[in-house]
């Protein structure tokens, strides 16, 4: 039972809260219209590392059109971790 409770705690730590999720039809439509691979990779980095980031910082991450593709999660993690996690 203790193991199960710890698993739930870990799941909550790595899940998105209600305000962090895409929930409305318009939000989904906007993402599909503009493309979503890079955004998914960025979101995944922040989801998995949010407890390691300073909570008092506001950030805007802009993906340049000149990115070398295909971009992998490892590429995103390596670059953002070097900049944001100390």
N, C-alpha and C. Protein backbone atom coordinates (compact mmCIF):
# COMPACT_ATOMS: atom_id res chain seq x y z
N UNK A 1 0.82 -1.20 0.00
CA UNK A 1 0.00 0.00 0.00
C UNK A 1 0.86 1.26 0.00
N UNK A 2 1.98 1.24 0.73
CA UNK A 2 2.87 2.39 0.78
C UNK A 2 3.45 2.65 -0.61
N UNK A 3 3.81 1.59 -1.31
CA UNK A 3 4.37 1.71 -2.65
C UNK A 3 3.36 2.35 -3.60
N UNK A 4 2.10 1.98 -3.47
CA UNK A 4 1.04 2.54 -4.30
C UNK A 4 0.87 4.03 -4.02
N UNK A 5 0.90 4.42 -2.75
CA UNK A 5 0.75 5.83 -2.37
C UNK A 5 1.91 6.64 -2.92
N UNK A 6 3.12 6.11 -2.88
CA UNK A 6 4.28 6.80 -3.42
C UNK A 6 4.14 6.95 -4.93
N UNK A 7 3.63 5.93 -5.58
CA UNK A 7 3.42 6.00 -7.03
C UNK A 7 2.44 7.09 -7.40
N UNK A 8 1.36 7.23 -6.63
CA UNK A 8 0.38 8.29 -6.88
C UNK A 8 1.01 9.66 -6.65
N UNK A 9 1.83 9.78 -5.62
CA UNK A 9 2.51 11.04 -5.33
C UNK A 9 3.43 11.42 -6.48
N UNK A 10 4.19 10.44 -6.98
CA UNK A 10 5.08 10.69 -8.11
C UNK A 10 4.30 11.08 -9.36
N UNK A 11 3.16 10.42 -9.58
CA UNK A 11 2.34 10.73 -10.73
C UNK A 11 1.83 12.16 -10.68
N UNK A 12 1.37 12.60 -9.51
CA UNK A 12 0.89 13.97 -9.35
C UNK A 12 2.01 14.98 -9.59
N UNK A 13 3.20 14.66 -9.14
CA UNK A 13 4.34 15.54 -9.31
C UNK A 13 4.67 15.75 -10.78
N UNK A 14 4.49 14.71 -11.60
CA UNK A 14 4.84 14.79 -13.01
C UNK A 14 3.64 14.98 -13.93
N UNK A 15 2.49 15.28 -13.37
CA UNK A 15 1.33 15.50 -14.23
C UNK A 15 1.06 17.00 -14.34
N UNK A 16 0.28 17.36 -15.33
CA UNK A 16 -0.09 18.76 -15.51
C UNK A 16 -1.34 19.06 -14.69
N UNK A 17 -1.35 20.23 -14.08
CA UNK A 17 -2.53 20.69 -13.37
C UNK A 17 -3.58 21.14 -14.36
N UNK A 18 -4.76 21.46 -13.86
CA UNK A 18 -5.88 21.84 -14.71
C UNK A 18 -5.54 23.06 -15.59
N UNK A 19 -4.83 24.03 -15.00
CA UNK A 19 -4.47 25.23 -15.75
C UNK A 19 -3.35 24.99 -16.76
N UNK A 20 -2.64 23.89 -16.64
CA UNK A 20 -1.51 23.60 -17.52
C UNK A 20 -1.90 22.76 -18.73
N UNK A 21 -3.14 22.27 -18.76
CA UNK A 21 -3.57 21.37 -19.84
C UNK A 21 -4.27 22.11 -20.97
N UNK A 22 -4.23 21.52 -22.14
CA UNK A 22 -5.00 22.01 -23.29
C UNK A 22 -6.36 21.35 -23.19
N UNK A 23 -7.41 22.15 -23.06
CA UNK A 23 -8.72 21.57 -22.82
C UNK A 23 -9.79 21.99 -23.82
N UNK A 24 -9.64 23.14 -24.41
CA UNK A 24 -10.70 23.66 -25.27
C UNK A 24 -10.45 23.30 -26.74
N UNK A 25 -11.53 23.16 -27.47
CA UNK A 25 -11.45 22.81 -28.89
C UNK A 25 -10.61 23.82 -29.66
N UNK A 26 -10.77 25.11 -29.34
CA UNK A 26 -10.01 26.16 -30.01
C UNK A 26 -8.51 26.02 -29.75
N UNK A 27 -8.14 25.64 -28.54
CA UNK A 27 -6.72 25.45 -28.22
C UNK A 27 -6.12 24.33 -29.06
N UNK A 28 -6.85 23.22 -29.18
CA UNK A 28 -6.38 22.10 -30.01
C UNK A 28 -6.28 22.51 -31.47
N UNK A 29 -7.29 23.22 -31.96
CA UNK A 29 -7.30 23.64 -33.36
C UNK A 29 -6.11 24.55 -33.67
N UNK A 30 -5.81 25.48 -32.75
CA UNK A 30 -4.67 26.37 -32.95
C UNK A 30 -3.35 25.59 -33.03
N UNK A 31 -3.20 24.61 -32.18
CA UNK A 31 -1.98 23.81 -32.17
C UNK A 31 -1.83 23.02 -33.46
N UNK A 32 -2.91 22.38 -33.90
CA UNK A 32 -2.84 21.59 -35.13
C UNK A 32 -2.59 22.47 -36.34
N UNK A 33 -3.14 23.67 -36.34
CA UNK A 33 -2.95 24.59 -37.46
C UNK A 33 -1.49 25.03 -37.57
N UNK A 34 -0.84 25.25 -36.45
CA UNK A 34 0.54 25.76 -36.45
C UNK A 34 1.59 24.66 -36.41
N UNK A 35 1.18 23.43 -36.20
CA UNK A 35 2.15 22.34 -36.05
C UNK A 35 2.43 22.16 -34.56
N UNK A 36 2.81 20.97 -34.12
CA UNK A 36 2.94 20.74 -32.67
C UNK A 36 4.09 19.89 -32.21
N UNK A 37 5.03 19.47 -33.04
CA UNK A 37 6.13 18.60 -32.59
C UNK A 37 7.06 19.30 -31.60
N UNK A 38 7.53 20.49 -31.93
CA UNK A 38 8.46 21.20 -31.05
C UNK A 38 7.77 21.59 -29.75
N UNK A 39 6.54 22.02 -29.86
CA UNK A 39 5.80 22.40 -28.64
C UNK A 39 5.65 21.20 -27.71
N UNK A 40 5.39 20.03 -28.27
CA UNK A 40 5.25 18.83 -27.43
C UNK A 40 6.56 18.52 -26.72
N UNK A 41 7.68 18.65 -27.43
CA UNK A 41 8.98 18.38 -26.82
C UNK A 41 9.28 19.38 -25.70
N UNK A 42 8.99 20.66 -25.94
CA UNK A 42 9.21 21.68 -24.91
C UNK A 42 8.33 21.42 -23.69
N UNK A 43 7.06 21.12 -23.92
CA UNK A 43 6.15 20.84 -22.81
C UNK A 43 6.62 19.65 -21.99
N UNK A 44 7.09 18.62 -22.69
CA UNK A 44 7.56 17.42 -21.99
C UNK A 44 8.77 17.76 -21.11
N UNK A 45 9.68 18.58 -21.62
CA UNK A 45 10.82 18.98 -20.80
C UNK A 45 10.35 19.69 -19.53
N UNK A 46 9.46 20.66 -19.68
CA UNK A 46 9.00 21.41 -18.52
C UNK A 46 8.17 20.54 -17.58
N UNK A 47 7.40 19.61 -18.12
CA UNK A 47 6.61 18.71 -17.27
C UNK A 47 7.52 17.84 -16.41
N UNK A 48 8.56 17.29 -17.02
CA UNK A 48 9.45 16.38 -16.29
C UNK A 48 10.43 17.11 -15.37
N UNK A 49 10.66 18.39 -15.60
CA UNK A 49 11.67 19.11 -14.84
C UNK A 49 11.12 20.27 -14.02
N UNK A 50 9.79 20.40 -13.91
CA UNK A 50 9.23 21.57 -13.26
C UNK A 50 9.65 21.70 -11.79
N UNK A 51 9.91 20.59 -11.11
CA UNK A 51 10.35 20.69 -9.71
C UNK A 51 11.80 21.13 -9.59
N UNK A 52 12.55 21.06 -10.68
CA UNK A 52 13.96 21.48 -10.68
C UNK A 52 14.15 22.92 -11.12
N UNK A 53 13.08 23.54 -11.62
CA UNK A 53 13.15 24.92 -12.10
C UNK A 53 12.72 25.88 -10.99
N UNK A 54 13.27 27.07 -11.02
CA UNK A 54 12.92 28.08 -10.03
C UNK A 54 11.47 28.50 -10.21
N UNK A 55 10.65 28.41 -9.17
CA UNK A 55 9.23 28.76 -9.31
C UNK A 55 9.00 30.26 -9.48
N UNK A 56 10.00 31.06 -9.19
CA UNK A 56 9.81 32.51 -9.25
C UNK A 56 10.18 33.10 -10.61
N UNK A 57 10.41 32.26 -11.59
CA UNK A 57 10.79 32.75 -12.92
C UNK A 57 9.66 32.56 -13.92
N UNK A 58 9.43 33.58 -14.71
CA UNK A 58 8.54 33.47 -15.86
C UNK A 58 9.42 33.32 -17.08
N UNK A 59 9.05 32.42 -17.97
CA UNK A 59 9.87 32.17 -19.15
C UNK A 59 9.02 32.14 -20.41
N UNK A 60 9.63 32.58 -21.47
CA UNK A 60 9.05 32.43 -22.80
C UNK A 60 10.11 31.74 -23.64
N UNK A 61 9.76 30.60 -24.20
CA UNK A 61 10.69 29.85 -25.05
C UNK A 61 10.19 29.97 -26.48
N UNK A 62 11.06 30.46 -27.34
CA UNK A 62 10.70 30.64 -28.74
C UNK A 62 11.54 29.70 -29.59
N UNK A 63 10.87 28.84 -30.32
CA UNK A 63 11.57 27.91 -31.21
C UNK A 63 11.79 28.62 -32.55
N UNK A 64 13.04 28.71 -32.94
CA UNK A 64 13.39 29.37 -34.20
C UNK A 64 13.02 28.48 -35.39
N UNK A 65 12.65 29.09 -36.47
CA UNK A 65 12.31 28.33 -37.67
C UNK A 65 13.51 27.62 -38.27
N UNK A 66 14.71 28.07 -37.90
CA UNK A 66 15.92 27.49 -38.48
C UNK A 66 16.43 26.26 -37.71
N UNK A 67 15.60 25.67 -36.88
CA UNK A 67 16.00 24.48 -36.13
C UNK A 67 16.37 23.34 -37.07
N UNK A 68 17.36 22.57 -36.65
CA UNK A 68 17.71 21.38 -37.43
C UNK A 68 16.74 20.26 -37.05
N UNK A 69 16.09 19.73 -38.03
CA UNK A 69 15.14 18.66 -37.78
C UNK A 69 15.71 17.36 -38.29
N UNK A 70 15.38 16.21 -37.80
CA UNK A 70 14.41 15.99 -36.74
C UNK A 70 15.01 16.29 -35.37
N UNK A 71 14.25 16.96 -34.55
CA UNK A 71 14.64 17.32 -33.20
C UNK A 71 14.15 16.23 -32.25
N UNK A 72 15.01 15.76 -31.38
CA UNK A 72 14.63 14.71 -30.44
C UNK A 72 14.46 15.31 -29.05
N UNK A 73 13.82 14.56 -28.16
CA UNK A 73 13.68 15.02 -26.78
C UNK A 73 15.05 15.21 -26.15
N UNK A 74 16.00 14.34 -26.45
CA UNK A 74 17.36 14.46 -25.89
C UNK A 74 18.01 15.79 -26.29
N UNK A 75 17.78 16.22 -27.53
CA UNK A 75 18.31 17.52 -27.98
C UNK A 75 17.73 18.66 -27.16
N UNK A 76 16.42 18.63 -26.99
CA UNK A 76 15.73 19.68 -26.22
C UNK A 76 16.19 19.67 -24.77
N UNK A 77 16.24 18.48 -24.18
CA UNK A 77 16.63 18.36 -22.78
C UNK A 77 18.06 18.88 -22.55
N UNK A 78 18.97 18.50 -23.41
CA UNK A 78 20.37 18.91 -23.26
C UNK A 78 20.50 20.44 -23.32
N UNK A 79 19.85 21.04 -24.30
CA UNK A 79 19.98 22.49 -24.47
C UNK A 79 19.29 23.27 -23.35
N UNK A 80 18.06 22.90 -23.02
CA UNK A 80 17.34 23.64 -21.98
C UNK A 80 17.91 23.39 -20.59
N UNK A 81 18.34 22.18 -20.30
CA UNK A 81 18.91 21.89 -18.99
C UNK A 81 20.18 22.72 -18.78
N UNK A 82 20.99 22.88 -19.82
CA UNK A 82 22.20 23.68 -19.69
C UNK A 82 21.88 25.15 -19.39
N UNK A 83 20.76 25.63 -19.92
CA UNK A 83 20.38 27.01 -19.71
C UNK A 83 19.60 27.27 -18.42
N UNK A 84 18.76 26.32 -18.04
CA UNK A 84 17.79 26.58 -16.98
C UNK A 84 18.01 25.88 -15.67
N UNK A 85 18.72 24.75 -15.67
CA UNK A 85 18.87 23.97 -14.45
C UNK A 85 20.31 24.10 -13.97
N UNK A 86 20.43 24.53 -12.73
CA UNK A 86 21.78 24.71 -12.15
C UNK A 86 21.93 23.91 -10.90
